[in-house]
Amino acid sequence: MSGPRVVALGGGHGLAATLQAARRYAGEITAVVSVADDGGSSGRLREALGIPAPGDIRRCLVALAEPTSLWAATFEHRFEAGELRGHAVGNIVIAGLAAAAGGDFVAALEEAARLLGAAGRVLPATTAPVVLKATAADGEVEGQVRVAQTGRIAEVGLVPPDPEPPAAVLEAIATADQVVLGPGSLFTSVLAAVAVPAIREALAATAARRVYVCNLRPQVPETEGYDVAAHVEALVAHGVEVDVAVCDSRHMRVGLMHTPCVDRPLARPDGSAHDPAELAGVLADLVG
């Protein structure tokens, strides 16, 4: 290992960007991925097979694979016809590996990582399916898809409320040099991963520098009207303290921060997402 131990938490495309960035400076990478997704291919597979949602995990495995890998391209291929329409090949492979491993989801992901030649480890935030729930202005909402369509969210949690994370997740956080949260949907990706009580406690106890990478812009309606400070305040309200936030004020107002903040140009030229190279430069400076 020639670089720092980096743990990245979250889900979706945002966490994949962090992993692509971490490949440029980290010596050891562990992704901890929310498995609360209940939409699309992931939702169909978890309903049919009773497995944790594989979609965000698939994206993270691909992000850690070589960009020219045929297996990585195959994992991302989505069927367009027949009974498999809408399913990503990688989701089905992960489900099949889990079945062949006797339900050991972590072992299935280790084999998928080996197959892809992934430059790091990808772990689920919990080894059993969970349901994301939110308390909002209009009452309680359950299911990640429904939560993402809800505004004025006060709190999110999981059902069951105290699911077990893999032991390797807690070990990785305890021995990390840097823990990166985000970017990604605040409530349905980042907080969906750290809503696991044991993960939240591990984050509080780690000696690693905890970095929050804020989304480039608010998500409507989930975080409509939020500035960077509001994102960090939501983390604190859920018991998650970070040492520094990273943002790009060209795309989102910073607001009144009580946490140190690094403001840098981080977006791709088209402004659609974080540029992994730019993000890597900032995160490498913040290892601590």
C-alpha atoms as a PDB file:
ATOM      1  CA  MET A   1       0.000   0.000   0.000  1.00  0.00           C
ATOM      2  CA  SER A   2       1.562   3.278  -1.132  1.00  0.00           C
ATOM      3  CA  GLY A   3      -1.222   5.710  -0.236  1.00  0.00           C
ATOM      4  CA  PRO A   4      -3.844   6.412   2.422  1.00  0.00           C
ATOM      5  CA  ARG A   5      -6.677   4.120   3.435  1.00  0.00           C
ATOM      6  CA  VAL A   6      -9.854   5.718   2.127  1.00  0.00           C
ATOM      7  CA  VAL A   7     -13.422   4.734   2.975  1.00  0.00           C
ATOM      8  CA  ALA A   8     -16.222   6.227   0.869  1.00  0.00           C
ATOM      9  CA  LEU A   9     -19.876   6.078   1.924  1.00  0.00           C
ATOM     10  CA  GLY A  10     -23.079   6.771   0.014  1.00  0.00           C
ATOM     11  CA  GLY A  11     -24.720   5.451  -3.109  1.00  0.00           C
ATOM     12  CA  GLY A  12     -25.555   6.031  -6.733  1.00  0.00           C
ATOM     13  CA  HIS A  13     -23.569   7.964  -9.298  1.00  0.00           C
ATOM     14  CA  GLY A  14     -22.114  10.324  -6.678  1.00  0.00           C
ATOM     15  CA  LEU A  15     -20.271   7.591  -4.798  1.00  0.00           C
ATOM     16  CA  ALA A  16     -18.975   6.217  -8.095  1.00  0.00           C
ATOM     17  CA  ALA A  17     -17.395   9.633  -8.795  1.00  0.00           C
ATOM     18  CA  THR A  18     -15.673   9.581  -5.400  1.00  0.00           C
ATOM     19  CA  LEU A  19     -14.301   6.104  -6.070  1.00  0.00           C
ATOM     20  CA  GLN A  20     -12.960   7.179  -9.460  1.00  0.00           C
ATOM     21  CA  ALA A  21     -11.272  10.081  -7.677  1.00  0.00           C
ATOM     22  CA  ALA A  22      -9.900   7.893  -4.869  1.00  0.00           C
ATOM     23  CA  ARG A  23      -8.241   5.578  -7.380  1.00  0.00           C
ATOM     24  CA  ARG A  24      -5.903   8.467  -8.217  1.00  0.00           C
ATOM     25  CA  TYR A  25      -4.417   8.905  -4.720  1.00  0.00           C
ATOM     26  CA  ALA A  26      -5.505   6.140  -2.321  1.00  0.00           C
ATOM     27  CA  GLY A  27      -3.525   3.042  -1.457  1.00  0.00           C
ATOM     28  CA  GLU A  28      -6.553   1.136  -0.181  1.00  0.00           C
ATOM     29  CA  ILE A  29     -10.209   1.835  -1.023  1.00  0.00           C
ATOM     30  CA  THR A  30     -13.369   0.571   0.648  1.00  0.00           C
ATOM     31  CA  ALA A  31     -16.804   1.620  -0.575  1.00  0.00           C
ATOM     32  CA  VAL A  32     -19.744   1.326   1.828  1.00  0.00           C
ATOM     33  CA  VAL A  33     -22.932   1.441  -0.206  1.00  0.00           C
ATOM     34  CA  SER A  34     -26.550   2.026   0.734  1.00  0.00           C
ATOM     35  CA  VAL A  35     -28.783  -0.910  -0.208  1.00  0.00           C
ATOM     36  CA  ALA A  36     -32.139   0.801   0.388  1.00  0.00           C
ATOM     37  CA  ASP A  37     -32.925   1.344  -3.306  1.00  0.00           C
ATOM     38  CA  ASP A  38     -36.346  -0.030  -4.223  1.00  0.00           C
ATOM     39  CA  GLY A  39     -36.741   1.234  -7.782  1.00  0.00           C
ATOM     40  CA  GLY A  40     -35.978  -0.152 -11.225  1.00  0.00           C
ATOM     41  CA  SER A  41     -33.959  -3.333 -11.645  1.00  0.00           C
ATOM     42  CA  SER A  42     -32.752  -3.256  -8.026  1.00  0.00           C
ATOM     43  CA  GLY A  43     -36.282  -3.037  -6.705  1.00  0.00           C
ATOM     44  CA  ARG A  44     -37.466  -5.916  -8.860  1.00  0.00           C
ATOM     45  CA  LEU A  45     -34.605  -8.171  -7.778  1.00  0.00           C
ATOM     46  CA  ARG A  46     -34.880  -7.417  -4.075  1.00  0.00           C
ATOM     47  CA  GLU A  47     -38.630  -8.053  -4.217  1.00  0.00           C
ATOM     48  CA  ALA A  48     -38.233 -11.318  -6.144  1.00  0.00           C
ATOM     49  CA  LEU A  49     -35.164 -12.703  -4.365  1.00  0.00           C
ATOM     50  CA  GLY A  50     -35.054 -10.988  -0.978  1.00  0.00           C
ATOM     51  CA  ILE A  51     -31.524  -9.633  -1.496  1.00  0.00           C
ATOM     52  CA  PRO A  52     -30.092  -6.193  -0.725  1.00  0.00           C
ATOM     53  CA  ALA A  53     -30.455  -3.787  -3.646  1.00  0.00           C
ATOM     54  CA  PRO A  54     -27.541  -4.452  -6.051  1.00  0.00           C
ATOM     55  CA  GLY A  55     -27.734  -1.416  -8.370  1.00  0.00           C
ATOM     56  CA  ASP A  56     -25.603   1.133  -6.507  1.00  0.00           C
ATOM     57  CA  ILE A  57     -23.153  -1.615  -5.578  1.00  0.00           C
ATOM     58  CA  ARG A  58     -22.812  -2.504  -9.269  1.00  0.00           C
ATOM     59  CA  ARG A  59     -22.002   1.114 -10.134  1.00  0.00           C
ATOM     60  CA  CYS A  60     -19.296   1.199  -7.466  1.00  0.00           C
ATOM     61  CA  LEU A  61     -17.718  -2.043  -8.632  1.00  0.00           C
ATOM     62  CA  VAL A  62     -17.608  -0.677 -12.181  1.00  0.00           C
ATOM     63  CA  ALA A  63     -16.104   2.607 -10.943  1.00  0.00           C
ATOM     64  CA  LEU A  64     -13.231   0.639  -9.406  1.00  0.00           C
ATOM     65  CA  ALA A  65     -12.673  -1.484 -12.523  1.00  0.00           C
ATOM     66  CA  GLU A  66     -10.409  -0.558 -15.403  1.00  0.00           C
ATOM     67  CA  PRO A  67     -12.336   1.793 -17.739  1.00  0.00           C
ATOM     68  CA  THR A  68     -11.511  -0.382 -20.760  1.00  0.00           C
ATOM     69  CA  SER A  69     -12.612  -3.618 -19.065  1.00  0.00           C
ATOM     70  CA  LEU A  70     -15.081  -5.644 -21.128  1.00  0.00           C
ATOM     71  CA  TRP A  71     -16.527  -7.029 -17.894  1.00  0.00           C
ATOM     72  CA  ALA A  72     -17.180  -3.487 -16.647  1.00  0.00           C
ATOM     73  CA  ALA A  73     -19.035  -2.648 -19.852  1.00  0.00           C
ATOM     74  CA  THR A  74     -20.962  -5.922 -19.586  1.00  0.00           C
ATOM     75  CA  PHE A  75     -21.984  -5.193 -15.975  1.00  0.00           C
ATOM     76  CA  GLU A  76     -23.471  -1.882 -17.129  1.00  0.00           C
ATOM     77  CA  HIS A  77     -25.291  -3.362 -20.144  1.00  0.00           C
ATOM     78  CA  ARG A  78     -29.053  -3.151 -19.711  1.00  0.00           C
ATOM     79  CA  PHE A  79     -31.438  -5.495 -21.522  1.00  0.00           C
ATOM     80  CA  GLU A  80     -33.952  -3.744 -23.739  1.00  0.00           C
ATOM     81  CA  ALA A  81     -36.440  -6.517 -24.510  1.00  0.00           C
ATOM     82  CA  GLY A  82     -38.081  -9.619 -23.127  1.00  0.00           C
ATOM     83  CA  GLU A  83     -38.481 -10.682 -19.512  1.00  0.00           C
ATOM     84  CA  LEU A  84     -35.096  -9.186 -18.634  1.00  0.00           C
ATOM     85  CA  ARG A  85     -36.011  -5.763 -19.982  1.00  0.00           C
ATOM     86  CA  GLY A  86     -34.639  -3.024 -17.725  1.00  0.00           C
ATOM     87  CA  HIS A  87     -32.261  -5.293 -15.819  1.00  0.00           C
ATOM     88  CA  ALA A  88     -28.542  -4.491 -15.784  1.00  0.00           C
ATOM     89  CA  VAL A  89     -26.364  -7.554 -16.365  1.00  0.00           C
ATOM     90  CA  GLY A  90     -24.294  -6.726 -13.277  1.00  0.00           C
ATOM     91  CA  ASN A  91     -27.361  -6.747 -11.044  1.00  0.00           C
ATOM     92  CA  ILE A  92     -28.259 -10.234 -12.232  1.00  0.00           C
ATOM     93  CA  VAL A  93     -24.669 -11.480 -11.853  1.00  0.00           C
ATOM     94  CA  ILE A  94     -24.529 -10.165  -8.266  1.00  0.00           C
ATOM     95  CA  ALA A  95     -27.860 -11.841  -7.486  1.00  0.00           C
ATOM     96  CA  GLY A  96     -26.613 -15.118  -8.986  1.00  0.00           C
ATOM     97  CA  LEU A  97     -23.328 -14.956  -7.063  1.00  0.00           C
ATOM     98  CA  ALA A  98     -25.229 -14.352  -3.825  1.00  0.00           C
ATOM     99  CA  ALA A  99     -27.379 -17.425  -4.462  1.00  0.00           C
ATOM    100  CA  ALA A 100     -24.328 -19.553  -5.340  1.00  0.00           C
ATOM    101  CA  ALA A 101     -22.600 -18.336  -2.161  1.00  0.00           C
ATOM    102  CA  GLY A 102     -25.473 -19.593  -0.039  1.00  0.00           C
ATOM    103  CA  GLY A 103     -26.818 -16.103   0.583  1.00  0.00           C
ATOM    104  CA  ASP A 104     -23.465 -14.645   1.655  1.00  0.00           C
ATOM    105  CA  PHE A 105     -23.819 -11.245   0.017  1.00  0.00           C
ATOM    106  CA  VAL A 106     -20.361 -10.021   1.046  1.00  0.00           C
ATOM    107  CA  ALA A 107     -18.714 -13.125  -0.440  1.00  0.00           C
ATOM    108  CA  ALA A 108     -20.700 -12.537  -3.642  1.00  0.00           C
ATOM    109  CA  LEU A 109     -19.385  -8.970  -3.897  1.00  0.00           C
ATOM    110  CA  GLU A 110     -15.815 -10.086  -3.275  1.00  0.00           C
ATOM    111  CA  GLU A 111     -16.110 -12.511  -6.182  1.00  0.00           C
ATOM    112  CA  ALA A 112     -17.693  -9.829  -8.384  1.00  0.00           C
ATOM    113  CA  ALA A 113     -14.804  -7.488  -7.531  1.00  0.00           C
ATOM    114  CA  ARG A 114     -12.309 -10.215  -8.478  1.00  0.00           C
ATOM    115  CA  LEU A 115     -14.135 -10.784 -11.755  1.00  0.00           C
ATOM    116  CA  LEU A 116     -13.946  -7.072 -12.589  1.00  0.00           C
ATOM    117  CA  GLY A 117     -10.403  -6.593 -11.325  1.00  0.00           C
ATOM    118  CA  ALA A 118     -11.704  -3.841  -9.030  1.00  0.00           C
ATOM    119  CA  ALA A 119      -9.065  -1.643  -7.378  1.00  0.00           C
ATOM    120  CA  GLY A 120     -10.769  -1.767  -3.999  1.00  0.00           C
ATOM    121  CA  ARG A 121     -13.458  -3.404  -1.922  1.00  0.00           C
ATOM    122  CA  VAL A 122     -17.200  -2.745  -2.174  1.00  0.00           C
ATOM    123  CA  LEU A 123     -19.368  -3.574   0.840  1.00  0.00           C
ATOM    124  CA  PRO A 124     -23.084  -3.155   1.550  1.00  0.00           C
ATOM    125  CA  ALA A 125     -24.089  -0.917   4.447  1.00  0.00           C
ATOM    126  CA  THR A 126     -26.224  -3.838   5.643  1.00  0.00           C
ATOM    127  CA  THR A 127     -26.311  -7.498   4.664  1.00  0.00           C
ATOM    128  CA  ALA A 128     -30.115  -7.683   4.711  1.00  0.00           C
ATOM    129  CA  PRO A 129     -32.671  -5.673   2.737  1.00  0.00           C
ATOM    130  CA  VAL A 130     -33.790  -2.463   4.458  1.00  0.00           C
ATOM    131  CA  VAL A 131     -36.497   0.084   3.779  1.00  0.00           C
ATOM    132  CA  LEU A 132     -35.730   3.805   3.890  1.00  0.00           C
ATOM    133  CA  LYS A 133     -38.325   5.901   5.671  1.00  0.00           C
ATOM    134  CA  ALA A 134     -38.637   9.654   6.111  1.00  0.00           C
ATOM    135  CA  THR A 135     -40.497  12.045   8.354  1.00  0.00           C
ATOM    136  CA  ALA A 136     -41.543  15.029   6.260  1.00  0.00           C
ATOM    137  CA  ALA A 137     -43.904  17.966   6.514  1.00  0.00           C
ATOM    138  CA  ASP A 138     -46.719  15.849   5.089  1.00  0.00           C
ATOM    139  CA  GLY A 139     -46.093  12.874   7.387  1.00  0.00           C
ATOM    140  CA  GLU A 140     -44.150   9.615   7.147  1.00  0.00           C
ATOM    141  CA  VAL A 141     -43.056   8.193   3.805  1.00  0.00           C
ATOM    142  CA  GLU A 142     -41.522   4.744   3.178  1.00  0.00           C
ATOM    143  CA  GLY A 143     -39.398   3.539   0.269  1.00  0.00           C
ATOM    144  CA  GLN A 144     -36.395   5.240  -1.325  1.00  0.00           C
ATOM    145  CA  VAL A 145     -38.245   6.157  -4.516  1.00  0.00           C
ATOM    146  CA  ARG A 146     -41.053   7.828  -2.567  1.00  0.00           C
ATOM    147  CA  VAL A 147     -38.630   9.586  -0.209  1.00  0.00           C
ATOM    148  CA  ALA A 148     -36.730  11.011  -3.202  1.00  0.00           C
ATOM    149  CA  GLN A 149     -40.009  12.516  -4.393  1.00  0.00           C
ATOM    150  CA  THR A 150     -40.658  14.174  -1.031  1.00  0.00           C
ATOM    151  CA  GLY A 151     -39.692  17.665   0.066  1.00  0.00           C
ATOM    152  CA  ARG A 152     -39.166  19.301   3.470  1.00  0.00           C
ATOM    153  CA  ILE A 153     -37.688  16.149   5.007  1.00  0.00           C
ATOM    154  CA  ALA A 154     -36.935  16.376   8.717  1.00  0.00           C
ATOM    155  CA  GLU A 155     -35.455  12.933   9.337  1.00  0.00           C
ATOM    156  CA  VAL A 156     -34.693   9.631   7.649  1.00  0.00           C
ATOM    157  CA  GLY A 157     -34.219   6.201   9.158  1.00  0.00           C
ATOM    158  CA  LEU A 158     -34.365   2.528   8.283  1.00  0.00           C
ATOM    159  CA  VAL A 159     -36.772  -0.352   8.754  1.00  0.00           C
ATOM    160  CA  PRO A 160     -35.674  -2.354  10.693  1.00  0.00           C
ATOM    161  CA  PRO A 161     -34.089   0.477  12.718  1.00  0.00           C
ATOM    162  CA  ASP A 162     -30.916  -1.351  13.790  1.00  0.00           C
ATOM    163  CA  PRO A 163     -29.674  -3.539  10.901  1.00  0.00           C
ATOM    164  CA  GLU A 164     -26.265  -5.175  11.143  1.00  0.00           C
ATOM    165  CA  PRO A 165     -23.475  -3.932   8.883  1.00  0.00           C
ATOM    166  CA  PRO A 166     -20.725  -6.334   7.806  1.00  0.00           C
ATOM    167  CA  ALA A 167     -17.908  -6.438  10.359  1.00  0.00           C
ATOM    168  CA  ALA A 168     -15.510  -5.419   7.573  1.00  0.00           C
ATOM    169  CA  VAL A 169     -17.314  -2.064   7.253  1.00  0.00           C
ATOM    170  CA  LEU A 170     -16.684  -1.159  10.884  1.00  0.00           C
ATOM    171  CA  GLU A 171     -13.086  -2.340  10.658  1.00  0.00           C
ATOM    172  CA  ALA A 172     -12.456  -0.273   7.526  1.00  0.00           C
ATOM    173  CA  ILE A 173     -13.839   2.896   9.143  1.00  0.00           C
ATOM    174  CA  ALA A 174     -11.813   2.296  12.321  1.00  0.00           C
ATOM    175  CA  THR A 175      -8.523   1.938  10.424  1.00  0.00           C
ATOM    176  CA  ALA A 176      -9.115   4.569   7.717  1.00  0.00           C
ATOM    177  CA  ASP A 177      -6.991   7.654   7.147  1.00  0.00           C
ATOM    178  CA  GLN A 178      -9.887   9.424   5.419  1.00  0.00           C
ATOM    179  CA  VAL A 179     -13.635   8.866   5.281  1.00  0.00           C
ATOM    180  CA  VAL A 180     -15.519  10.541   2.428  1.00  0.00           C
ATOM    181  CA  LEU A 181     -19.293  10.986   2.493  1.00  0.00           C
ATOM    182  CA  GLY A 182     -20.947  11.842  -0.810  1.00  0.00           C
ATOM    183  CA  PRO A 183     -21.485  13.379  -3.199  1.00  0.00           C
ATOM    184  CA  GLY A 184     -24.965  12.097  -3.859  1.00  0.00           C
ATOM    185  CA  SER A 185     -28.562  12.524  -2.805  1.00  0.00           C
ATOM    186  CA  LEU A 186     -28.411  13.795   0.772  1.00  0.00           C
ATOM    187  CA  PHE A 187     -31.272  11.810   2.270  1.00  0.00           C
ATOM    188  CA  THR A 188     -31.632   8.872  -0.119  1.00  0.00           C
ATOM    189  CA  SER A 189     -27.938   8.038  -0.658  1.00  0.00           C
ATOM    190  CA  VAL A 190     -25.611   9.588   1.934  1.00  0.00           C
ATOM    191  CA  LEU A 191     -27.859   9.470   4.991  1.00  0.00           C
ATOM    192  CA  ALA A 192     -29.366   6.179   3.821  1.00  0.00           C
ATOM    193  CA  ALA A 193     -25.906   4.639   4.286  1.00  0.00           C
ATOM    194  CA  VAL A 194     -25.064   6.264   7.618  1.00  0.00           C
ATOM    195  CA  ALA A 195     -28.533   5.692   9.066  1.00  0.00           C
ATOM    196  CA  VAL A 196     -27.190   2.315  10.234  1.00  0.00           C
ATOM    197  CA  PRO A 197     -26.516   2.985  13.957  1.00  0.00           C
ATOM    198  CA  ALA A 198     -23.287   0.944  14.106  1.00  0.00           C
ATOM    199  CA  ILE A 199     -21.886   2.846  11.094  1.00  0.00           C
ATOM    200  CA  ARG A 200     -22.813   6.168  12.659  1.00  0.00           C
ATOM    201  CA  GLU A 201     -21.060   5.168  15.879  1.00  0.00           C
ATOM    202  CA  ALA A 202     -17.969   4.036  13.945  1.00  0.00           C
ATOM    203  CA  LEU A 203     -17.847   7.422  12.182  1.00  0.00           C
ATOM    204  CA  ALA A 204     -17.975   9.200  15.525  1.00  0.00           C
ATOM    205  CA  ALA A 205     -15.118   7.094  16.896  1.00  0.00           C
ATOM    206  CA  THR A 206     -12.731   7.025  13.932  1.00  0.00           C
ATOM    207  CA  ALA A 207      -9.488   8.987  13.960  1.00  0.00           C
ATOM    208  CA  ALA A 208      -9.777   9.489  10.185  1.00  0.00           C
ATOM    209  CA  ARG A 209     -10.511  12.904   8.738  1.00  0.00           C
ATOM    210  CA  ARG A 210     -14.180  12.921   7.765  1.00  0.00           C
ATOM    211  CA  VAL A 211     -14.907  14.803   4.538  1.00  0.00           C
ATOM    212  CA  TYR A 212     -18.337  15.627   3.165  1.00  0.00           C
ATOM    213  CA  VAL A 213     -18.502  16.286  -0.577  1.00  0.00           C
ATOM    214  CA  CYS A 214     -21.640  18.282  -1.252  1.00  0.00           C
ATOM    215  CA  ASN A 215     -23.778  17.847  -4.338  1.00  0.00           C
ATOM    216  CA  LEU A 216     -23.225  20.415  -7.064  1.00  0.00           C
ATOM    217  CA  ARG A 217     -26.814  21.661  -6.779  1.00  0.00           C
ATOM    218  CA  PRO A 218     -29.959  21.002  -4.748  1.00  0.00           C
ATOM    219  CA  GLN A 219     -32.181  18.120  -5.818  1.00  0.00           C
ATOM    220  CA  VAL A 220     -35.822  18.908  -6.370  1.00  0.00           C
ATOM    221  CA  PRO A 221     -37.821  18.198  -4.295  1.00  0.00           C
ATOM    222  CA  GLU A 222     -35.532  16.294  -1.872  1.00  0.00           C
ATOM    223  CA  THR A 223     -33.257  19.226  -1.002  1.00  0.00           C
ATOM    224  CA  GLU A 224     -34.995  22.085  -2.780  1.00  0.00           C
ATOM    225  CA  GLY A 225     -33.736  25.442  -1.492  1.00  0.00           C
ATOM    226  CA  TYR A 226     -30.727  23.965   0.341  1.00  0.00           C
ATOM    227  CA  ASP A 227     -27.333  25.620   0.392  1.00  0.00           C
ATOM    228  CA  VAL A 228     -24.116  23.834   1.415  1.00  0.00           C
ATOM    229  CA  ALA A 229     -24.606  24.818   5.061  1.00  0.00           C
ATOM    230  CA  ALA A 230     -28.086  23.239   5.075  1.00  0.00           C
ATOM    231  CA  HIS A 231     -26.647  19.971   3.782  1.00  0.00           C
ATOM    232  CA  VAL A 232     -24.086  19.881   6.603  1.00  0.00           C
ATOM    233  CA  GLU A 233     -26.733  20.821   9.169  1.00  0.00           C
ATOM    234  CA  ALA A 234     -28.832  17.848   8.041  1.00  0.00           C
ATOM    235  CA  LEU A 235     -25.850  15.553   8.627  1.00  0.00           C
ATOM    236  CA  VAL A 236     -25.369  16.969  12.133  1.00  0.00           C
ATOM    237  CA  ALA A 237     -29.086  16.572  12.875  1.00  0.00           C
ATOM    238  CA  HIS A 238     -28.671  12.863  12.095  1.00  0.00           C
ATOM    239  CA  GLY A 239     -25.683  12.500  14.434  1.00  0.00           C
ATOM    240  CA  VAL A 240     -23.006  12.737  11.739  1.00  0.00           C
ATOM    241  CA  GLU A 241     -20.173  15.213  12.366  1.00  0.00           C
ATOM    242  CA  VAL A 242     -17.673  15.944   9.591  1.00  0.00           C
ATOM    243  CA  ASP A 243     -14.308  17.674   9.840  1.00  0.00           C
ATOM    244  CA  VAL A 244     -14.500  19.514   6.537  1.00  0.00           C
ATOM    245  CA  ALA A 245     -16.965  20.057   3.697  1.00  0.00           C
ATOM    246  CA  VAL A 246     -16.068  20.326   0.019  1.00  0.00           C
ATOM    247  CA  CYS A 247     -18.203  22.302  -2.412  1.00  0.00           C
ATOM    248  CA  ASP A 248     -18.285  24.226  -5.668  1.00  0.00           C
ATOM    249  CA  SER A 249     -19.934  27.608  -5.059  1.00  0.00           C
ATOM    250  CA  ARG A 250     -20.249  28.204  -8.798  1.00  0.00           C
ATOM    251  CA  HIS A 251     -23.216  25.828  -8.657  1.00  0.00           C
ATOM    252  CA  MET A 252     -24.553  26.101  -5.081  1.00  0.00           C
ATOM    253  CA  ARG A 253     -24.516  28.900  -2.528  1.00  0.00           C
ATOM    254  CA  VAL A 254     -22.346  28.092   0.500  1.00  0.00           C
ATOM    255  CA  GLY A 255     -24.404  29.778   3.227  1.00  0.00           C
ATOM    256  CA  LEU A 256     -23.403  30.287   6.860  1.00  0.00           C
ATOM    257  CA  MET A 257     -20.992  27.457   7.623  1.00  0.00           C
ATOM    258  CA  HIS A 258     -19.950  26.303  11.104  1.00  0.00           C
ATOM    259  CA  THR A 259     -17.710  23.604   9.607  1.00  0.00           C
ATOM    260  CA  PRO A 260     -14.489  24.309   7.657  1.00  0.00           C
ATOM    261  CA  CYS A 261     -15.255  24.400   3.950  1.00  0.00           C
ATOM    262  CA  VAL A 262     -13.089  23.986   0.861  1.00  0.00           C
ATOM    263  CA  ASP A 263     -14.624  25.723  -2.142  1.00  0.00           C
ATOM    264  CA  ARG A 264     -13.121  24.659  -5.478  1.00  0.00           C
ATOM    265  CA  PRO A 265     -14.247  24.242  -9.104  1.00  0.00           C
ATOM    266  CA  LEU A 266     -15.221  20.560  -9.130  1.00  0.00           C
ATOM    267  CA  ALA A 267     -17.699  20.097 -11.958  1.00  0.00           C
ATOM    268  CA  ARG A 268     -17.162  18.559 -15.352  1.00  0.00           C
ATOM    269  CA  PRO A 269     -17.094  21.106 -18.201  1.00  0.00           C
ATOM    270  CA  ASP A 270     -20.812  20.604 -18.840  1.00  0.00           C
ATOM    271  CA  GLY A 271     -21.599  21.025 -15.131  1.00  0.00           C
ATOM    272  CA  SER A 272     -23.497  17.732 -14.987  1.00  0.00           C
ATOM    273  CA  ALA A 273     -21.423  15.936 -12.341  1.00  0.00           C
ATOM    274  CA  HIS A 274     -18.206  16.031 -10.336  1.00  0.00           C
ATOM    275  CA  ASP A 275     -14.990  15.688 -12.306  1.00  0.00           C
ATOM    276  CA  PRO A 276     -13.051  12.792 -10.717  1.00  0.00           C
ATOM    277  CA  ALA A 277      -9.676  14.396 -11.471  1.00  0.00           C
ATOM    278  CA  GLU A 278     -10.623  17.713  -9.844  1.00  0.00           C
ATOM    279  CA  LEU A 279     -12.186  15.910  -6.888  1.00  0.00           C
ATOM    280  CA  ALA A 280      -9.090  13.737  -6.468  1.00  0.00           C
ATOM    281  CA  GLY A 281      -6.898  16.822  -6.180  1.00  0.00           C
ATOM    282  CA  VAL A 282      -8.990  18.244  -3.343  1.00  0.00           C
ATOM    283  CA  LEU A 283      -9.425  14.961  -1.482  1.00  0.00           C
ATOM    284  CA  ALA A 284      -5.720  14.128  -1.695  1.00  0.00           C
ATOM    285  CA  ASP A 285      -4.968  17.484  -0.020  1.00  0.00           C
ATOM    286  CA  LEU A 286      -7.447  16.681   2.766  1.00  0.00           C
ATOM    287  CA  VAL A 287      -6.189  13.292   3.866  1.00  0.00           C
ATOM    288  CA  GLY A 288      -4.839  14.815   7.089  1.00  0.00           C
END
